[in-house]
Amino acid sequence: MSIADQFLLFIRISRSQHIARRYFVVNGFDGALTMLGLLMGFYVSGQVALPVAMSVCLGAAIALGMSGLTSAYISESAERKRELERLEKAMMVDLGESAHGKAARLMPFLIAFINGAAPFLIALIIIFPLALGHWHPQLISQPLETATILAFLIIFLLGVFIGRISGHFWLWSGLRTLAVALLTTLLVYLISPA
C-alpha cells in the first residue's frame, strides 16, 4: 500500500475529513472576520500608514494561525487517544501499530495544520492589497478599501461553501455570512472614538 493510500485510509478510519473541513470553515471565517475588523478599525481611525496596517494584520494572522494550530493539536490528540483507548478496551488488544493507532497519532497533525493554516492563509490573501499598495502604489490606489472588499468577498464565499456542504441554497448561506460581516463593520464603526 502506497503512502497516499495509507493516508487516505487513516482519514477514512478516523473520519477526519469532516472535522478538517469544519475547522477550515470555522477558523477561515475567524481569520477573515478578524482582518475585516482590523481593516475597519484602520479605516475609521483615519490615515494609518500601510506598513503599520500590514504589521498589525500580519501579527494577528500569525497569532490566529498559531492559536488554531496548537489548540487543535492539543484537543484532537487527546480525543484520538481517548477513542483509541476505548477501542482497545472493547477489543482487548493493543492497537498501537494498527491502522487505527497510526491514524490516532497522525490525524491530529493534519487537523491542526488545517486549523492553523486556514485563518493564516485567508488573512494573507486579505492583506495582500495592503502590501501591493505599499510596494507598488501605481497598481492599486485604494489598498485599504480593496482589502476590505476582498474580506467581504471571502466571507461571502465561505458562506457559499457552507451552503453547498449543508445542502442549503448557496446564495442564502453566502448572504447570511455577509450579514455577519456587515454587522461587524457597523459595530466597529459605532464603537470607534470620533
Protein backbone atom coordinates (compact mmCIF):
# COMPACT_ATOMS: atom_id res chain seq x y z
CA MET A 1 0.00 0.00 0.00
CA SER A 2 1.41 3.39 -1.03
CA ILE A 3 1.85 6.24 1.41
CA ALA A 4 -1.01 8.13 -0.25
CA ASP A 5 -3.30 5.09 0.08
CA GLN A 6 -2.35 4.71 3.74
CA PHE A 7 -3.01 8.37 4.34
CA LEU A 8 -6.46 8.12 2.75
CA LEU A 9 -7.16 5.01 4.85
CA PHE A 10 -6.22 6.91 8.01
CA ILE A 11 -8.55 9.76 7.03
CA ARG A 12 -11.43 7.31 6.42
CA ILE A 13 -10.80 5.36 9.64
CA SER A 14 -10.69 8.49 11.76
CA ARG A 15 -13.46 10.31 9.85
CA SER A 16 -11.12 13.32 9.83
CA GLN A 17 -12.30 14.82 6.55
CA HIS A 18 -15.46 16.17 8.18
CA ILE A 19 -13.57 17.58 11.16
CA ALA A 20 -10.89 19.14 8.95
CA ARG A 21 -13.50 20.72 6.67
CA ARG A 22 -15.38 22.13 9.66
CA TYR A 23 -12.17 23.53 11.16
CA PHE A 24 -11.19 25.06 7.81
CA VAL A 25 -14.51 26.90 7.53
CA VAL A 26 -14.73 27.97 11.18
CA ASN A 27 -11.16 29.18 11.51
CA GLY A 28 -11.11 30.62 7.99
CA PHE A 29 -14.19 32.63 8.92
CA ASP A 30 -12.45 33.75 12.12
CA GLY A 31 -9.42 34.87 10.14
CA ALA A 32 -11.47 36.77 7.57
CA LEU A 33 -13.68 38.44 10.19
CA THR A 34 -10.67 39.41 12.31
CA MET A 35 -8.98 41.01 9.30
CA LEU A 36 -12.21 42.81 8.43
CA GLY A 37 -12.43 44.16 11.97
CA LEU A 38 -8.85 45.39 11.85
CA LEU A 39 -9.29 46.97 8.43
CA MET A 40 -12.44 48.75 9.55
CA GLY A 41 -10.63 49.96 12.66
CA PHE A 42 -7.89 51.42 10.47
CA TYR A 43 -10.46 52.95 8.14
CA VAL A 44 -12.49 54.73 10.82
CA SER A 45 -9.39 55.93 12.69
CA GLY A 46 -8.25 57.97 9.71
CA GLN A 47 -4.93 57.77 7.98
CA VAL A 48 -2.89 54.75 9.04
CA ALA A 49 0.43 54.10 7.36
CA LEU A 50 0.32 50.96 5.22
CA PRO A 51 3.40 49.40 6.87
CA VAL A 52 1.71 49.76 10.27
CA ALA A 53 -1.54 48.25 8.98
CA MET A 54 0.36 45.39 7.34
CA SER A 55 2.35 44.68 10.51
CA VAL A 56 -0.74 44.67 12.72
CA CYS A 57 -2.68 42.43 10.32
CA LEU A 58 0.27 40.08 9.87
CA GLY A 59 0.75 39.85 13.63
CA ALA A 60 -2.93 38.99 14.06
CA ALA A 61 -2.72 36.43 11.23
CA ILE A 62 0.27 34.72 12.85
CA ALA A 63 -1.46 34.70 16.24
CA LEU A 64 -4.64 33.22 14.73
CA GLY A 65 -2.61 30.58 12.91
CA MET A 66 -0.62 29.59 15.97
CA SER A 67 -3.73 29.52 18.13
CA GLY A 68 -5.52 27.31 15.62
CA LEU A 69 -2.53 25.02 15.22
CA THR A 70 -1.84 24.45 18.89
CA SER A 71 -5.41 24.35 20.17
CA ALA A 72 -6.49 21.85 17.52
CA TYR A 73 -3.47 19.62 18.10
CA ILE A 74 -3.94 19.56 21.86
CA SER A 75 -7.67 18.84 21.69
CA GLU A 76 -7.58 16.42 18.74
CA SER A 77 -4.66 14.37 20.07
CA ALA A 78 -6.47 13.99 23.42
CA GLU A 79 -9.71 12.98 21.65
CA ARG A 80 -7.94 10.49 19.35
CA LYS A 81 -6.05 8.96 22.25
CA ARG A 82 -9.27 8.55 24.22
CA GLU A 83 -11.06 6.96 21.25
CA LEU A 84 -8.17 4.56 20.65
CA GLU A 85 -8.11 3.55 24.32
CA ARG A 86 -11.86 2.86 24.25
CA LEU A 87 -11.48 0.75 21.11
CA GLU A 88 -8.53 -1.16 22.62
CA LYS A 89 -10.53 -1.79 25.79
CA ALA A 90 -13.54 -3.04 23.82
CA MET A 91 -11.38 -5.31 21.64
CA MET A 92 -8.97 -6.23 24.48
CA VAL A 93 -5.96 -5.76 22.21
CA ASP A 94 -3.15 -3.23 21.74
CA LEU A 95 -3.85 -1.25 18.54
CA GLY A 96 -0.77 0.96 18.73
CA GLU A 97 0.77 -0.30 15.49
CA SER A 98 -2.51 -0.92 13.68
CA ALA A 99 -4.04 1.45 11.13
CA HIS A 100 -6.29 2.78 13.92
CA GLY A 101 -3.29 3.50 16.13
CA LYS A 102 -1.36 5.21 13.34
CA ALA A 103 -4.41 7.26 12.40
CA ALA A 104 -4.86 8.32 16.02
CA ARG A 105 -1.29 9.63 16.05
CA LEU A 106 -1.20 11.19 12.57
CA MET A 107 -4.61 12.82 12.15
CA PRO A 108 -4.21 15.39 14.96
CA PHE A 109 -1.26 16.81 12.99
CA LEU A 110 -3.34 17.09 9.81
CA ILE A 111 -6.30 18.67 11.58
CA ALA A 112 -4.03 21.06 13.49
CA PHE A 113 -2.32 22.09 10.27
CA ILE A 114 -5.64 22.84 8.57
CA ASN A 115 -6.97 24.63 11.65
CA GLY A 116 -3.90 26.85 11.79
CA ALA A 117 -3.36 27.34 8.07
CA ALA A 118 -6.94 28.40 7.27
CA PRO A 119 -7.02 31.72 9.17
CA PHE A 120 -3.38 32.48 8.36
CA LEU A 121 -3.69 31.95 4.60
CA ILE A 122 -7.05 33.70 4.35
CA ALA A 123 -5.63 36.65 6.29
CA LEU A 124 -2.63 36.79 3.94
CA ILE A 125 -4.95 36.90 0.94
CA ILE A 126 -6.95 39.72 2.51
CA ILE A 127 -3.91 41.83 3.40
CA PHE A 128 -2.25 41.31 0.01
CA PRO A 129 -3.72 44.57 -1.38
CA LEU A 130 -2.04 46.43 1.50
CA ALA A 131 1.33 45.00 0.52
CA LEU A 132 0.66 45.70 -3.14
CA GLY A 133 -0.36 49.26 -2.33
CA HIS A 134 2.80 49.76 -0.28
CA TRP A 135 5.33 48.26 -2.70
CA HIS A 136 3.59 49.11 -5.98
CA PRO A 137 1.30 52.10 -5.33
CA GLN A 138 0.81 52.61 -9.06
CA LEU A 139 -1.06 49.28 -9.24
CA ILE A 140 -3.62 49.93 -6.51
CA SER A 141 -4.87 53.34 -5.48
CA GLN A 142 -7.08 52.36 -2.51
CA PRO A 143 -5.38 49.39 -0.79
CA LEU A 144 -7.35 49.60 2.46
CA GLU A 145 -10.70 49.70 0.69
CA THR A 146 -9.64 46.93 -1.72
CA ALA A 147 -8.58 44.69 1.18
CA THR A 148 -11.91 45.37 2.89
CA ILE A 149 -13.88 44.42 -0.23
CA LEU A 150 -11.74 41.29 -0.54
CA ALA A 151 -12.56 40.38 3.08
CA PHE A 152 -16.29 40.76 2.34
CA LEU A 153 -15.91 38.58 -0.76
CA ILE A 154 -14.06 35.82 1.09
CA ILE A 155 -16.62 35.84 3.91
CA PHE A 156 -19.41 35.56 1.32
CA LEU A 157 -17.60 32.67 -0.43
CA LEU A 158 -17.14 30.84 2.88
CA GLY A 159 -20.89 31.16 3.36
CA VAL A 160 -21.47 29.77 -0.13
CA PHE A 161 -19.18 26.84 0.73
CA ILE A 162 -21.12 26.19 3.95
CA GLY A 163 -24.36 26.26 1.98
CA ARG A 164 -23.08 23.73 -0.54
CA ILE A 165 -21.89 21.39 2.23
CA SER A 166 -25.18 21.58 4.11
CA GLY A 167 -27.33 21.32 1.00
CA HIS A 168 -28.94 24.71 1.59
CA PHE A 169 -29.34 27.37 -1.06
CA TRP A 170 -25.81 28.71 -1.61
CA LEU A 171 -26.86 32.34 -2.09
CA TRP A 172 -28.82 32.41 1.18
CA SER A 173 -25.83 30.97 3.08
CA GLY A 174 -23.50 33.47 1.48
CA LEU A 175 -25.81 36.35 2.33
CA ARG A 176 -26.06 35.20 5.95
CA THR A 177 -22.28 35.28 6.40
CA LEU A 178 -22.19 38.60 4.57
CA ALA A 179 -24.76 39.94 7.05
CA VAL A 180 -22.43 38.95 9.90
CA ALA A 181 -19.61 40.83 8.17
CA LEU A 182 -21.80 43.90 7.71
CA LEU A 183 -22.87 43.79 11.36
CA THR A 184 -19.21 43.55 12.38
CA THR A 185 -18.29 46.61 10.33
CA LEU A 186 -21.25 48.52 11.74
CA LEU A 187 -20.23 47.68 15.32
CA VAL A 188 -16.62 48.73 14.67
CA TYR A 189 -17.88 51.98 13.15
CA LEU A 190 -20.29 52.69 16.04
CA ILE A 191 -17.89 52.00 18.91
CA SER A 192 -14.82 53.68 17.46
CA PRO A 193 -13.97 57.03 19.06
CA ALA A 194 -14.93 60.01 16.91
